[in-house]
Amino acid sequence: MRAEAQAHVDKIKAALALLRRFLDWDRALRRLDELNARVEDPTLWNDAKAAQDVMRERRRLEEAISATRAIETELNDTAELIEMAEAEGDEEMASDGTAALGALAARAEIDKVKALLSGEADPNDTYVEINSGAGGTESNDWAGMLLRMYTRWAERHGMKVELIDYHAGEQAGIKSATLLIKGENAYGYAKTESGVHRLVRISPYDSAARRHTSFSSVWVYPVIDDDINVEYNESDLRIDTYRASGAGGQHINTTDSAVRITHIPTGIVVQCQNQRSQHKNKAEAYNQLRARLYERELQIRETAANAENASKTDIGWGHQIRSYVLQPYQLVKDLRTGVTSTAPGDVLDGDLDAFMAAALSQRVTGETVEVEDVD
């Protein structure tokens, strides 16, 4: 088999191996049989919510298993076709088979990422909170670049973006901002971005053209609905109101419409100022608080589940550092996954898909995953 076709085959087999490992193939097949038996039970719908949960789990498992089997069948059939074409010297058929393998490899990567997004809150909408670190104007500008990056990434994937909170920097960029991203698997894709992001570049604000290092933090937490109960005591909350910052206008800078809520036991702080009404801002801030507390609980569960297999030298989940180095060739490296690629322009959203896919894969395998650059 020609080298190009073999490369596609190896890529597809790697994706299939990861899918089988993540699904725990034998357990997944047994679980699907159990769910099919429960669906046939006429008493299932006596509890509508439980029935919906069963149907949802069954659909996800069935889709993942069917996709894996379909890829395996198509891979075997196409590989046999290429071998027959090469044996008969039919170059046109061999080229068509190689092209089909390339398309199958791309589909396998998409199915692999979808299968990895099977967490409890992965299908939900998500909040993305960005805060500039130490460094003044440099860090503010870097935080502003991250804000544009995630906004453009979400819009490119057909998601809706709402700006919940925004504090502009004094000279450039932002001090902090919170985005609400609405779309299928929004939290599942974005959750790998939680952590500290570092930028190394020749500063456009330094007349001596020296290299500067800037830090910004990105925290991602899911939007949760009323079916998920998050417990907290009102006595543990400190609620502050203040005047919203921004371009001004009627009631914007003249009333204390912005709301900040602090959960004292955990130190979690949420705030909202995008609405003109203090009541609406407070309701949105409460939604953010419930989401933050729920995300914290998910992290505690995941840490406990992975404690036995965690490496002592590994950067903890949710605290990884992604390093962006902007030089004449715009080289970008993610220190957590080891992925290096070339960034288009001054905003790195073109490579964000590659970074996310690598981080999701590493979350399952625990190993550094190399991915191709995204155009």
Protein backbone atom coordinates (compact mmCIF):
# COMPACT_ATOMS: atom_id res chain seq x y z
CA MET A 1 0.00 0.00 0.00
CA ARG A 2 1.32 3.44 -0.93
CA ALA A 3 2.68 5.64 1.85
CA GLU A 4 -0.14 8.20 1.69
CA ALA A 5 -2.82 5.55 2.07
CA GLN A 6 -0.92 3.85 4.90
CA ALA A 7 -0.68 7.16 6.75
CA HIS A 8 -4.48 7.53 6.55
CA VAL A 9 -4.93 3.94 7.75
CA ASP A 10 -2.65 4.51 10.75
CA LYS A 11 -4.52 7.70 11.65
CA ILE A 12 -7.90 5.97 11.44
CA LYS A 13 -6.71 3.02 13.53
CA ALA A 14 -5.36 5.39 16.20
CA ALA A 15 -8.74 7.17 16.37
CA LEU A 16 -10.58 3.83 16.60
CA ALA A 17 -8.27 2.61 19.37
CA LEU A 18 -8.93 5.78 21.36
CA LEU A 19 -12.68 5.44 20.81
CA ARG A 20 -12.71 1.83 22.00
CA ARG A 21 -10.56 2.68 25.01
CA PHE A 22 -12.72 5.63 25.98
CA LEU A 23 -15.99 3.72 25.55
CA ASP A 24 -14.63 0.66 27.38
CA TRP A 25 -15.94 -1.36 24.43
CA ASP A 26 -17.12 -4.55 26.14
CA ARG A 27 -18.77 -2.62 28.97
CA ALA A 28 -20.43 -0.26 26.47
CA LEU A 29 -21.94 -3.19 24.55
CA ARG A 30 -23.31 -4.73 27.76
CA ARG A 31 -24.67 -1.38 28.88
CA LEU A 32 -26.42 -0.84 25.53
CA ASP A 33 -28.10 -4.26 25.85
CA GLU A 34 -29.29 -3.30 29.34
CA LEU A 35 -30.69 0.02 28.12
CA ASN A 36 -32.46 -1.66 25.18
CA ALA A 37 -34.10 -4.07 27.63
CA ARG A 38 -35.24 -1.18 29.83
CA VAL A 39 -36.72 0.67 26.86
CA GLU A 40 -38.89 -2.37 26.11
CA ASP A 41 -40.24 -2.28 29.68
CA PRO A 42 -43.72 -0.64 29.55
CA THR A 43 -43.34 0.67 33.12
CA LEU A 44 -40.34 2.81 32.17
CA TRP A 45 -42.49 5.81 31.28
CA ASN A 46 -44.15 5.87 34.69
CA ASP A 47 -41.27 8.20 35.59
CA ALA A 48 -40.90 10.61 32.65
CA LYS A 49 -37.60 12.15 33.80
CA ALA A 50 -35.95 8.76 34.40
CA ALA A 51 -37.19 7.58 31.00
CA GLN A 52 -35.71 10.63 29.29
CA ASP A 53 -32.35 9.99 30.98
CA VAL A 54 -32.40 6.37 29.81
CA MET A 55 -33.29 7.34 26.25
CA ARG A 56 -30.57 10.01 26.19
CA GLU A 57 -27.88 7.60 27.43
CA ARG A 58 -29.06 4.92 25.00
CA ARG A 59 -28.95 7.32 22.05
CA ARG A 60 -25.41 8.49 22.86
CA LEU A 61 -24.09 4.95 23.32
CA GLU A 62 -25.82 3.70 20.19
CA GLU A 63 -24.46 6.57 18.08
CA ALA A 64 -20.89 6.08 19.37
CA ILE A 65 -20.93 2.30 18.84
CA SER A 66 -22.56 2.55 15.40
CA ALA A 67 -20.08 5.22 14.28
CA THR A 68 -17.13 3.09 15.42
CA ARG A 69 -18.41 -0.01 13.64
CA ALA A 70 -19.16 1.94 10.45
CA ILE A 71 -15.63 3.36 10.36
CA GLU A 72 -14.09 -0.08 10.93
CA THR A 73 -16.17 -1.63 8.12
CA GLU A 74 -15.42 1.17 5.67
CA LEU A 75 -11.71 1.05 6.55
CA ASN A 76 -11.47 -2.69 5.85
CA ASP A 77 -13.44 -2.44 2.60
CA THR A 78 -11.43 0.52 1.28
CA ALA A 79 -8.08 -1.03 2.24
CA GLU A 80 -9.00 -4.23 0.39
CA LEU A 81 -10.07 -2.20 -2.64
CA ILE A 82 -6.72 -0.37 -2.73
CA GLU A 83 -4.76 -3.63 -2.44
CA MET A 84 -6.76 -5.15 -5.32
CA ALA A 85 -6.23 -2.01 -7.45
CA GLU A 86 -2.49 -2.03 -6.82
CA ALA A 87 -2.28 -5.75 -7.62
CA GLU A 88 -4.05 -5.15 -10.95
CA GLY A 89 -2.08 -1.96 -11.67
CA ASP A 90 -5.22 0.24 -11.70
CA GLU A 91 -3.79 3.59 -10.62
CA GLU A 92 -7.08 5.46 -10.95
CA MET A 93 -8.90 3.11 -8.60
CA ALA A 94 -5.99 3.18 -6.15
CA SER A 95 -6.05 7.00 -6.15
CA ASP A 96 -9.80 7.01 -5.56
CA GLY A 97 -9.36 4.60 -2.67
CA THR A 98 -6.63 6.76 -1.13
CA ALA A 99 -8.88 9.82 -1.39
CA ALA A 100 -11.68 7.87 0.28
CA LEU A 101 -9.33 6.93 3.12
CA GLY A 102 -8.43 10.59 3.55
CA ALA A 103 -12.11 11.52 3.88
CA LEU A 104 -12.64 8.63 6.29
CA ALA A 105 -9.69 9.78 8.42
CA ALA A 106 -11.23 13.26 8.69
CA ARG A 107 -14.58 11.74 9.67
CA ALA A 108 -12.90 9.51 12.25
CA GLU A 109 -11.32 12.56 13.89
CA ILE A 110 -14.70 14.30 14.10
CA ASP A 111 -16.39 11.20 15.53
CA LYS A 112 -13.53 10.77 18.00
CA VAL A 113 -13.97 14.29 19.39
CA LYS A 114 -17.76 13.85 19.58
CA ALA A 115 -17.32 10.62 21.51
CA LEU A 116 -14.95 12.30 23.95
CA LEU A 117 -17.67 14.87 24.69
CA SER A 118 -19.79 12.50 26.74
CA GLY A 119 -19.43 14.12 30.14
CA GLU A 120 -22.39 14.98 32.33
CA ALA A 121 -22.38 18.68 31.37
CA ASP A 122 -20.62 18.53 27.99
CA PRO A 123 -23.75 19.25 25.88
CA ASN A 124 -24.55 22.40 27.89
CA ASP A 125 -23.97 26.05 27.09
CA THR A 126 -20.96 27.55 28.84
CA TYR A 127 -19.55 30.62 30.53
CA VAL A 128 -16.01 31.68 29.63
CA GLU A 129 -14.40 34.08 32.11
CA ILE A 130 -11.19 35.90 31.12
CA ASN A 131 -9.00 37.89 33.54
CA SER A 132 -5.77 39.68 32.77
CA GLY A 133 -2.82 38.96 35.05
CA ALA A 134 0.13 41.01 36.24
CA GLY A 135 1.73 43.10 33.53
CA GLY A 136 -0.49 46.12 33.06
CA THR A 137 -1.20 47.09 29.47
CA GLU A 138 0.57 44.02 28.08
CA SER A 139 -1.63 41.59 30.02
CA ASN A 140 -4.75 43.62 29.27
CA ASP A 141 -3.99 43.46 25.56
CA TRP A 142 -3.39 39.70 25.80
CA ALA A 143 -6.71 39.23 27.61
CA GLY A 144 -8.40 41.23 24.84
CA MET A 145 -6.81 38.93 22.23
CA LEU A 146 -8.17 35.89 24.07
CA LEU A 147 -11.63 37.47 24.18
CA ARG A 148 -11.58 37.96 20.40
CA MET A 149 -10.17 34.46 19.89
CA TYR A 150 -12.97 32.67 21.78
CA THR A 151 -15.66 34.92 20.29
CA ARG A 152 -14.49 34.22 16.75
CA TRP A 153 -14.08 30.50 17.45
CA ALA A 154 -17.67 30.24 18.76
CA GLU A 155 -19.12 32.24 15.85
CA ARG A 156 -17.20 30.14 13.33
CA HIS A 157 -18.82 27.01 14.81
CA GLY A 158 -22.34 28.44 14.60
CA MET A 159 -22.66 29.27 18.30
CA LYS A 160 -24.24 32.39 19.80
CA VAL A 161 -22.11 34.62 22.02
CA GLU A 162 -23.36 37.04 24.68
CA LEU A 163 -21.12 39.42 26.62
CA ILE A 164 -22.19 39.11 30.27
CA ASP A 165 -19.55 41.27 31.93
CA TYR A 166 -16.84 43.57 30.56
CA HIS A 167 -14.18 45.80 32.13
CA ALA A 168 -11.96 47.62 29.64
CA GLY A 169 -8.24 48.19 30.18
CA GLU A 170 -6.98 51.72 30.70
CA GLN A 171 -4.95 51.87 27.47
CA ALA A 172 -5.75 48.67 25.57
CA GLY A 173 -7.48 45.33 25.90
CA ILE A 174 -9.56 44.31 28.90
CA LYS A 175 -9.13 43.76 32.62
CA SER A 176 -11.82 41.08 32.68
CA ALA A 177 -14.79 39.80 30.69
CA THR A 178 -17.32 36.98 30.84
CA LEU A 179 -18.86 35.37 27.75
CA LEU A 180 -21.97 33.20 27.57
CA ILE A 181 -21.55 30.80 24.64
CA LYS A 182 -24.67 28.96 23.50
CA GLY A 183 -24.41 25.96 21.22
CA GLU A 184 -24.22 22.17 21.02
CA ASN A 185 -21.41 20.79 23.20
CA ALA A 186 -20.22 24.33 23.97
CA TYR A 187 -18.94 23.37 27.44
CA GLY A 188 -17.49 20.09 26.20
CA TYR A 189 -15.29 21.85 23.66
CA ALA A 190 -14.36 24.86 25.79
CA LYS A 191 -13.62 23.13 29.12
CA THR A 192 -10.06 22.26 28.08
CA GLU A 193 -9.28 25.99 27.98
CA SER A 194 -9.46 26.45 31.77
CA GLY A 195 -6.12 27.55 33.15
CA VAL A 196 -3.42 30.17 32.79
CA HIS A 197 -2.45 31.27 29.27
CA ARG A 198 0.96 32.83 28.64
CA LEU A 199 2.02 35.01 25.73
CA VAL A 200 5.63 35.78 24.80
CA ARG A 201 6.13 38.41 22.08
CA ILE A 202 7.93 41.57 21.05
CA SER A 203 5.81 44.21 22.73
CA PRO A 204 4.14 46.78 20.45
CA TYR A 205 3.95 49.06 23.51
CA ASP A 206 7.71 49.00 24.21
CA SER A 207 9.72 51.57 22.24
CA ALA A 208 12.86 49.44 22.82
CA ALA A 209 11.16 46.44 21.11
CA ARG A 210 11.91 44.04 23.97
CA ARG A 211 10.31 40.64 24.56
CA HIS A 212 7.54 40.65 27.14
CA THR A 213 5.71 37.80 28.87
CA SER A 214 2.02 38.28 29.68
CA PHE A 215 -0.40 36.11 31.64
CA SER A 216 -4.17 35.81 31.54
CA SER A 217 -6.47 33.28 33.17
CA VAL A 218 -9.41 31.60 31.46
CA TRP A 219 -12.03 29.76 33.51
CA VAL A 220 -14.82 27.76 31.89
CA TYR A 221 -17.93 26.49 33.65
CA PRO A 222 -21.21 25.03 32.31
CA VAL A 223 -24.67 26.57 32.28
CA ILE A 224 -26.97 24.34 34.34
CA ASP A 225 -30.75 24.06 34.28
CA ASP A 226 -33.26 23.86 37.10
CA ASP A 227 -33.19 20.04 37.06
CA ILE A 228 -29.70 20.13 38.64
CA ASN A 229 -29.84 21.01 42.32
CA VAL A 230 -26.90 23.07 43.61
CA GLU A 231 -26.99 23.69 47.34
CA TYR A 232 -25.56 26.76 49.06
CA ASN A 233 -26.52 28.93 52.03
CA GLU A 234 -27.64 32.49 51.44
CA SER A 235 -25.75 33.45 54.59
CA ASP A 236 -22.51 32.44 52.84
CA LEU A 237 -23.04 35.03 50.10
CA ARG A 238 -21.91 38.65 50.02
CA ILE A 239 -23.81 40.70 47.45
CA ASP A 240 -22.39 44.05 46.29
CA THR A 241 -23.86 46.50 43.82
CA TYR A 242 -21.91 49.11 41.90
CA ARG A 243 -22.13 51.35 38.87
CA ALA A 244 -21.54 49.59 35.59
CA SER A 245 -18.60 50.63 33.44
CA GLY A 246 -18.94 51.13 29.72
CA ALA A 247 -19.91 53.60 27.08
CA GLY A 248 -22.57 55.19 29.26
CA GLY A 249 -26.16 56.00 28.44
CA GLN A 250 -29.37 56.29 30.38
CA HIS A 251 -29.25 54.38 33.70
CA ILE A 252 -25.92 52.74 32.80
CA ASN A 253 -23.50 54.86 34.82
CA THR A 254 -26.08 56.68 36.96
CA THR A 255 -27.45 53.77 39.01
CA ASP A 256 -25.91 50.85 40.90
CA SER A 257 -27.19 48.30 38.39
CA ALA A 258 -24.14 45.99 38.32
CA VAL A 259 -24.10 43.08 40.78
CA ARG A 260 -21.21 41.13 42.29
CA ILE A 261 -21.78 37.98 44.39
CA THR A 262 -19.03 36.41 46.52
CA HIS A 263 -19.36 32.87 47.85
CA ILE A 264 -17.31 33.23 51.03
CA PRO A 265 -16.48 29.54 51.78
CA THR A 266 -14.95 28.92 48.33
CA GLY A 267 -13.91 32.46 47.39
CA ILE A 268 -15.83 32.24 44.11
CA VAL A 269 -16.75 35.67 42.74
CA VAL A 270 -19.25 36.27 39.93
CA GLN A 271 -20.54 39.53 38.53
CA CYS A 272 -22.86 40.81 35.84
CA GLN A 273 -23.45 44.28 34.40
CA ASN A 274 -24.80 43.73 30.90
CA GLN A 275 -28.46 44.37 31.83
CA ARG A 276 -29.89 47.79 32.69
CA SER A 277 -31.90 46.29 35.54
CA GLN A 278 -30.23 45.36 38.82
CA HIS A 279 -32.81 42.59 39.24
CA LYS A 280 -31.86 40.96 35.92
CA ASN A 281 -28.15 41.33 36.65
CA LYS A 282 -28.64 39.66 40.02
CA ALA A 283 -30.55 36.76 38.44
CA GLU A 284 -27.75 36.24 35.89
CA ALA A 285 -25.12 36.44 38.64
CA TYR A 286 -26.97 33.74 40.60
CA ASN A 287 -26.96 31.55 37.46
CA GLN A 288 -23.20 32.03 37.16
CA LEU A 289 -22.71 31.18 40.84
CA ARG A 290 -24.68 27.94 40.53
CA ALA A 291 -22.66 27.08 37.42
CA ARG A 292 -19.34 27.78 39.18
CA LEU A 293 -20.28 25.67 42.19
CA TYR A 294 -21.44 22.83 39.93
CA GLU A 295 -18.23 22.98 37.85
CA ARG A 296 -16.22 22.86 41.08
CA GLU A 297 -18.07 19.71 42.10
CA LEU A 298 -17.38 18.13 38.69
CA GLN A 299 -13.66 18.85 39.09
CA ILE A 300 -13.63 17.29 42.56
CA ARG A 301 -15.26 14.14 41.17
CA GLU A 302 -12.87 13.96 38.22
CA THR A 303 -9.82 14.50 40.44
CA ALA A 304 -10.93 11.69 42.73
CA ALA A 305 -11.60 9.36 39.79
CA ASN A 306 -8.21 10.00 38.21
CA ALA A 307 -6.14 10.14 41.40
CA GLU A 308 -4.73 6.63 41.03
CA ASN A 309 -3.49 7.19 37.48
CA ALA A 310 -2.33 10.79 37.82
CA SER A 311 1.38 11.48 37.34
CA LYS A 312 3.08 13.44 40.09
CA THR A 313 4.75 15.65 37.52
CA ASP A 314 1.63 16.24 35.42
CA ILE A 315 0.07 19.69 35.45
CA GLY A 316 -3.24 19.34 37.27
CA TRP A 317 -6.45 19.27 35.23
CA GLY A 318 -7.91 22.76 35.11
CA HIS A 319 -4.56 24.38 35.95
CA GLN A 320 -2.55 23.73 32.80
CA ILE A 321 -0.51 26.48 31.20
CA ARG A 322 -0.80 27.10 27.49
CA SER A 323 2.12 29.05 26.10
CA TYR A 324 1.84 31.20 22.99
CA VAL A 325 5.10 32.49 21.51
CA LEU A 326 4.60 35.09 18.79
CA GLN A 327 7.73 35.58 16.67
CA PRO A 328 8.32 36.52 13.01
CA TYR A 329 7.00 33.06 12.01
CA GLN A 330 4.15 33.19 14.55
CA LEU A 331 5.16 29.91 16.25
CA VAL A 332 2.69 28.69 18.84
CA LYS A 333 3.27 25.92 21.37
CA ASP A 334 0.92 24.44 23.94
CA LEU A 335 3.05 23.35 26.91
CA ARG A 336 0.34 21.00 28.17
CA THR A 337 -0.07 18.87 25.05
CA GLY A 338 3.15 19.67 23.20
CA VAL A 339 1.26 20.75 20.07
CA THR A 340 3.17 23.28 17.97
CA SER A 341 1.64 25.05 15.00
CA THR A 342 1.59 28.34 13.12
CA ALA A 343 -0.88 31.04 14.08
CA PRO A 344 -2.62 33.07 11.37
CA GLY A 345 -2.55 36.80 12.07
CA ASP A 346 -2.55 38.32 15.52
CA VAL A 347 -5.41 36.21 16.88
CA LEU A 348 -4.90 32.50 17.41
CA ASP A 349 -8.40 31.20 16.76
CA GLY A 350 -7.25 29.38 13.64
CA ASP A 351 -5.30 26.90 15.79
CA LEU A 352 -7.81 26.65 18.62
CA ASP A 353 -9.50 23.54 17.16
CA ALA A 354 -6.15 21.71 17.10
CA PHE A 355 -5.35 22.68 20.70
CA MET A 356 -8.81 21.63 21.92
CA ALA A 357 -8.68 18.27 20.14
CA ALA A 358 -5.26 17.53 21.61
CA ALA A 359 -6.33 18.47 25.14
CA LEU A 360 -9.49 16.36 24.92
CA SER A 361 -7.50 13.35 23.70
CA GLN A 362 -4.88 13.80 26.42
CA ARG A 363 -7.62 13.91 29.01
CA VAL A 364 -8.52 10.32 28.09
CA THR A 365 -5.13 8.81 27.28
CA GLY A 366 -2.94 10.78 29.68
CA GLU A 367 -0.37 11.10 26.91
CA THR A 368 0.79 13.98 24.72
CA VAL A 369 -1.14 13.95 21.45
CA GLU A 370 0.24 15.54 18.29
CA VAL A 371 -2.31 16.92 15.83
CA GLU A 372 -2.05 18.53 12.44
CA ASP A 373 -2.20 22.30 12.10
CA VAL A 374 -5.59 23.87 11.40
CA ASP A 375 -5.66 26.20 8.44
